[in-house]
Each structure stands twice: as C-alpha cells, then as structure tokens.
C-alpha atoms as a PDB file:
ATOM      1  CA  MET A   1      12.658 -27.434 -30.621  1.00  0.00           C
ATOM      2  CA  PHE A   2      12.513 -23.792 -30.375  1.00  0.00           C
ATOM      3  CA  TRP A   3       9.341 -23.560 -27.425  1.00  0.00           C
ATOM      4  CA  GLN A   4      10.997 -26.139 -25.267  1.00  0.00           C
ATOM      5  CA  LYS A   5      14.303 -24.266 -25.298  1.00  0.00           C
ATOM      6  CA  TRP A   6      12.731 -20.923 -24.828  1.00  0.00           C
ATOM      7  CA  LEU A   7      10.794 -22.363 -21.770  1.00  0.00           C
ATOM      8  CA  THR A   8      14.144 -23.896 -20.218  1.00  0.00           C
ATOM      9  CA  TYR A   9      15.456 -21.083 -20.749  1.00  0.00           C
ATOM     10  CA  ALA A  10      13.020 -18.615 -19.268  1.00  0.00           C
ATOM     11  CA  ASN A  11      13.242 -20.810 -16.109  1.00  0.00           C
ATOM     12  CA  VAL A  12      17.046 -19.917 -16.446  1.00  0.00           C
ATOM     13  CA  LEU A  13      16.122 -16.444 -16.286  1.00  0.00           C
ATOM     14  CA  THR A  14      13.751 -16.417 -13.483  1.00  0.00           C
ATOM     15  CA  VAL A  15      16.090 -18.658 -11.505  1.00  0.00           C
ATOM     16  CA  VAL A  16      18.082 -15.710 -11.692  1.00  0.00           C
ATOM     17  CA  VAL A  17      15.817 -12.990 -11.041  1.00  0.00           C
ATOM     18  CA  GLY A  18      14.658 -15.845  -7.501  1.00  0.00           C
ATOM     19  CA  LEU A  19      18.093 -15.286  -6.651  1.00  0.00           C
ATOM     20  CA  LEU A  20      18.325 -11.483  -6.719  1.00  0.00           C
ATOM     21  CA  VAL A  21      15.375 -11.555  -4.867  1.00  0.00           C
ATOM     22  CA  ALA A  22      16.684 -13.107  -2.169  1.00  0.00           C
ATOM     23  CA  PHE A  23      20.537 -11.561  -1.784  1.00  0.00           C
ATOM     24  CA  ALA A  24      19.766  -8.288  -3.748  1.00  0.00           C
ATOM     25  CA  GLY A  25      16.279  -6.947  -2.499  1.00  0.00           C
ATOM     26  CA  ASN A  26      17.165  -3.706  -2.362  1.00  0.00           C
ATOM     27  CA  SER A  27      19.722  -3.121  -5.003  1.00  0.00           C
ATOM     28  CA  ILE A  28      18.408  -1.234  -8.621  1.00  0.00           C
ATOM     29  CA  PHE A  29      16.675  -4.132  -9.579  1.00  0.00           C
ATOM     30  CA  PHE A  30      13.724  -3.654  -7.155  1.00  0.00           C
ATOM     31  CA  ASP A  31      13.808  -0.284  -7.154  1.00  0.00           C
ATOM     32  CA  ILE A  32      10.294   0.206  -8.981  1.00  0.00           C
ATOM     33  CA  HIS A  33       8.816  -2.948  -6.733  1.00  0.00           C
ATOM     34  CA  ASN A  34      10.411  -1.572  -3.531  1.00  0.00           C
ATOM     35  CA  ASP A  35       9.185   2.345  -4.192  1.00  0.00           C
ATOM     36  CA  TYR A  36       5.467   0.763  -5.043  1.00  0.00           C
ATOM     37  CA  THR A  37       5.248  -1.712  -2.143  1.00  0.00           C
ATOM     38  CA  ARG A  38       6.040   1.715   0.370  1.00  0.00           C
ATOM     39  CA  GLU A  39       3.663   3.566  -1.406  1.00  0.00           C
ATOM     40  CA  VAL A  40       0.617   1.019  -1.512  1.00  0.00           C
ATOM     41  CA  PHE A  41       1.593  -0.006   2.222  1.00  0.00           C
ATOM     42  CA  PHE A  42       3.273   2.613   4.150  1.00  0.00           C
ATOM     43  CA  GLN A  43       2.668   5.578   2.281  1.00  0.00           C
ATOM     44  CA  SER A  44       6.256   6.707   2.835  1.00  0.00           C
ATOM     45  CA  ASN A  45       9.423   6.850   1.251  1.00  0.00           C
ATOM     46  CA  GLU A  46      11.232   4.561   4.098  1.00  0.00           C
ATOM     47  CA  PHE A  47      11.257   1.328   5.371  1.00  0.00           C
ATOM     48  CA  GLN A  48      11.286   1.648   9.085  1.00  0.00           C
ATOM     49  CA  SER A  49      14.255  -0.689  10.065  1.00  0.00           C
ATOM     50  CA  ASP A  50      12.350  -3.438  12.027  1.00  0.00           C
ATOM     51  CA  VAL A  51      10.207  -3.280   8.961  1.00  0.00           C
ATOM     52  CA  LEU A  52      13.044  -3.858   6.164  1.00  0.00           C
ATOM     53  CA  ASP A  53      13.972  -6.483   8.161  1.00  0.00           C
ATOM     54  CA  PHE A  54      10.814  -8.117   7.707  1.00  0.00           C
ATOM     55  CA  LYS A  55      11.108  -7.113   4.574  1.00  0.00           C
ATOM     56  CA  ASN A  56      14.127  -8.877   3.780  1.00  0.00           C
ATOM     57  CA  TRP A  57      13.083 -12.047   5.478  1.00  0.00           C
ATOM     58  CA  LEU A  58       9.948 -12.413   3.198  1.00  0.00           C
ATOM     59  CA  PHE A  59      12.454 -11.330   0.107  1.00  0.00           C
ATOM     60  CA  GLY A  60      14.631 -14.141   1.316  1.00  0.00           C
ATOM     61  CA  ILE A  61      12.180 -17.087   1.456  1.00  0.00           C
ATOM     62  CA  ILE A  62      10.301 -15.973  -1.679  1.00  0.00           C
ATOM     63  CA  GLY A  63      13.477 -15.958  -3.458  1.00  0.00           C
ATOM     64  CA  GLY A  64      14.269 -19.121  -2.478  1.00  0.00           C
ATOM     65  CA  THR A  65      10.633 -20.664  -3.551  1.00  0.00           C
ATOM     66  CA  ILE A  66      11.117 -19.029  -7.373  1.00  0.00           C
ATOM     67  CA  VAL A  67      14.392 -20.439  -7.005  1.00  0.00           C
ATOM     68  CA  GLY A  68      13.535 -24.231  -6.703  1.00  0.00           C
ATOM     69  CA  PHE A  69       9.913 -24.064  -8.322  1.00  0.00           C
ATOM     70  CA  HIS A  70      11.682 -22.952 -11.761  1.00  0.00           C
ATOM     71  CA  ILE A  71      14.720 -25.501 -11.014  1.00  0.00           C
ATOM     72  CA  LEU A  72      11.963 -28.181 -11.132  1.00  0.00           C
ATOM     73  CA  MET A  73      10.440 -26.187 -14.760  1.00  0.00           C
ATOM     74  CA  ILE A  74      13.651 -26.499 -16.244  1.00  0.00           C
ATOM     75  CA  MET A  75      14.386 -30.189 -15.362  1.00  0.00           C
ATOM     76  CA  ILE A  76      10.989 -30.706 -16.445  1.00  0.00           C
ATOM     77  CA  SER A  77      11.501 -28.648 -19.889  1.00  0.00           C
ATOM     78  CA  GLU A  78      14.933 -30.560 -20.109  1.00  0.00           C
ATOM     79  CA  ASN A  79      13.572 -34.253 -19.735  1.00  0.00           C
ATOM     80  CA  SER A  80       9.880 -35.495 -19.925  1.00  0.00           C
ATOM     81  CA  PHE A  81       8.801 -31.722 -21.498  1.00  0.00           C
ATOM     82  CA  LYS A  82      11.465 -32.664 -24.079  1.00  0.00           C
ATOM     83  CA  LYS A  83      10.035 -36.386 -25.130  1.00  0.00           C
ATOM     84  CA  LYS A  84       6.611 -34.412 -25.093  1.00  0.00           C
ATOM     85  CA  GLU A  85       5.033 -36.623 -22.329  1.00  0.00           C
ATOM     86  CA  LEU A  86       1.522 -35.152 -21.583  1.00  0.00           C
ATOM     87  CA  TRP A  87       1.809 -34.747 -17.617  1.00  0.00           C
ATOM     88  CA  ALA A  88       5.518 -32.349 -18.157  1.00  0.00           C
ATOM     89  CA  TYR A  89       3.002 -29.952 -19.886  1.00  0.00           C
ATOM     90  CA  LYS A  90       0.135 -30.168 -17.839  1.00  0.00           C
ATOM     91  CA  ALA A  91       2.262 -30.170 -14.637  1.00  0.00           C
ATOM     92  CA  MET A  92       3.845 -26.707 -16.116  1.00  0.00           C
ATOM     93  CA  TRP A  93       0.656 -25.478 -16.461  1.00  0.00           C
ATOM     94  CA  TYR A  94      -1.016 -26.154 -13.527  1.00  0.00           C
ATOM     95  CA  GLY A  95       1.790 -25.213 -11.475  1.00  0.00           C
ATOM     96  CA  ILE A  96       2.186 -21.889 -13.331  1.00  0.00           C
ATOM     97  CA  LEU A  97      -1.318 -20.960 -13.346  1.00  0.00           C
ATOM     98  CA  SER A  98      -1.980 -22.329  -9.733  1.00  0.00           C
ATOM     99  CA  TRP A  99       0.773 -19.641  -8.430  1.00  0.00           C
ATOM    100  CA  PHE A 100      -0.097 -16.887 -10.888  1.00  0.00           C
ATOM    101  CA  LEU A 101      -3.897 -17.248  -9.427  1.00  0.00           C
ATOM    102  CA  ILE A 102      -3.075 -17.144  -6.181  1.00  0.00           C
ATOM    103  CA  ASP A 103      -0.358 -14.848  -6.086  1.00  0.00           C
ATOM    104  CA  SER A 104      -2.288 -12.150  -8.809  1.00  0.00           C
ATOM    105  CA  GLY A 105      -5.290 -12.648  -6.535  1.00  0.00           C
ATOM    106  CA  ILE A 106      -3.870 -11.997  -2.936  1.00  0.00           C
ATOM    107  CA  SER A 107      -2.123  -9.038  -4.697  1.00  0.00           C
ATOM    108  CA  LEU A 108      -4.928  -7.500  -6.165  1.00  0.00           C
ATOM    109  CA  TYR A 109      -7.003  -7.837  -2.680  1.00  0.00           C
ATOM    110  CA  TYR A 110      -4.411  -5.920  -0.924  1.00  0.00           C
ATOM    111  CA  GLY A 111      -4.102  -3.004  -3.590  1.00  0.00           C
ATOM    112  CA  ALA A 112      -0.448  -4.333  -4.855  1.00  0.00           C
ATOM    113  CA  ILE A 113      -1.305  -4.190  -8.836  1.00  0.00           C
ATOM    114  CA  HIS A 114       2.487  -3.521  -9.557  1.00  0.00           C
ATOM    115  CA  ASN A 115       3.472  -6.760  -8.581  1.00  0.00           C
ATOM    116  CA  VAL A 116       1.002  -8.454 -10.694  1.00  0.00           C
ATOM    117  CA  VAL A 117       2.067  -6.157 -13.826  1.00  0.00           C
ATOM    118  CA  ILE A 118       5.652  -6.031 -12.908  1.00  0.00           C
ATOM    119  CA  ILE A 119       6.474  -9.658 -11.549  1.00  0.00           C
ATOM    120  CA  ASN A 120       3.672 -11.787 -12.196  1.00  0.00           C
ATOM    121  CA  LEU A 121       2.065 -11.001 -15.891  1.00  0.00           C
ATOM    122  CA  VAL A 122       6.050 -11.163 -16.959  1.00  0.00           C
ATOM    123  CA  ALA A 123       6.522 -14.771 -15.431  1.00  0.00           C
ATOM    124  CA  LEU A 124       2.825 -15.987 -17.046  1.00  0.00           C
ATOM    125  CA  ILE A 125       3.720 -14.524 -20.781  1.00  0.00           C
ATOM    126  CA  LEU A 126       7.540 -15.862 -20.790  1.00  0.00           C
ATOM    127  CA  ILE A 127       6.593 -19.122 -19.678  1.00  0.00           C
ATOM    128  CA  GLY A 128       2.634 -19.322 -20.631  1.00  0.00           C
ATOM    129  CA  LEU A 129       3.818 -18.742 -24.130  1.00  0.00           C
ATOM    130  CA  PRO A 130       5.952 -21.558 -25.206  1.00  0.00           C
ATOM    131  CA  LEU A 131       2.849 -23.549 -23.323  1.00  0.00           C
ATOM    132  CA  ILE A 132       0.527 -22.373 -25.601  1.00  0.00           C
ATOM    133  CA  ALA A 133       2.546 -23.046 -28.973  1.00  0.00           C
ATOM    134  CA  THR A 134       3.269 -26.397 -28.174  1.00  0.00           C
ATOM    135  CA  SER A 135      -0.056 -27.444 -27.203  1.00  0.00           C
ATOM    136  CA  LYS A 136      -1.107 -28.776 -30.627  1.00  0.00           C
ATOM    137  CA  GLU A 137       2.408 -31.110 -30.321  1.00  0.00           C
ATOM    138  CA  PHE A 138       0.830 -32.912 -27.319  1.00  0.00           C
ATOM    139  CA  LYS A 139      -2.578 -33.198 -28.192  1.00  0.00           C
ATOM    140  CA  LYS A 140      -0.636 -34.918 -30.961  1.00  0.00           C
ATOM    141  CA  GLU A 141       0.989 -36.943 -28.809  1.00  0.00           C
ATOM    142  CA  GLN A 142      -2.395 -37.831 -26.410  1.00  0.00           C
ATOM    143  CA  ARG A 143      -4.167 -39.884 -29.282  1.00  0.00           C
END
C-alpha cells in the first residue's frame, strides 16, 4: 500500500531529523530555527555559553523523544497499520495530534511561530496526509 509505505518513510525521515536535533542542533541544518529562536527569546545574534549549553541539553532530550516516538510510529505502520487494525490508525492520529496541539500551542504562546511553521506543520502534513488518504480503508475494516 502506497500510503502505508509513505507513513513508514516519513517517520524514518523524522527519526533522522531527531538524531540531527540531538547531535547536530547547532549545525547548518538548524541555522534558520536557531536564528529565529535567538531573535524571539534573546534579541541577539549569539547565545551566551551557558544558554547554549542549556539549549544543547534541551535539544538532546527533544531529539531523543523525537526518535523514540517515530520509531514507535514506524513499528505501528509496519505491523498493525499495514494489517488495517483500527486501533493503529487511531493511535497514530492521537499521537501526532496531541503532540502537534501541545507543541504548537506552547510555541504560539511564547511567540515562537517559526517552530510551528518550520517543524510542526511539516511533520503534521507528512504524517497526516497518509492518515487522511487511508481513512476510508479503516472505516471499511470497522464494519
């Protein structure tokens, strides 16, 4: 099934992003995100060394969480989702939507709109698109 494989590969890609967040959060991959973060929270061009250490620690934790969540999504996609088990479809929606709403809500509250646009919407579209596209198949299985 095309959409099931899309879902798996989108989550594999997100695992790679999570590893980059954890281990390369100050690399060229995150220049735009880091620039906007400095602008929103520090109104300066550079992080002070103690703030940079704190950011790197947070990125490590966030990256690890991203990796773990999306490995779980891969396992669901490659097993129960592939078998069209309704619980797997619901679990993927509940997981991605709960993350998106909490993360985006907090980001918007603090004015970090860049996080919603650069990270959250991209992930929601990548994972939500196959879930929307396969909804009828799971409704058939429910009958």
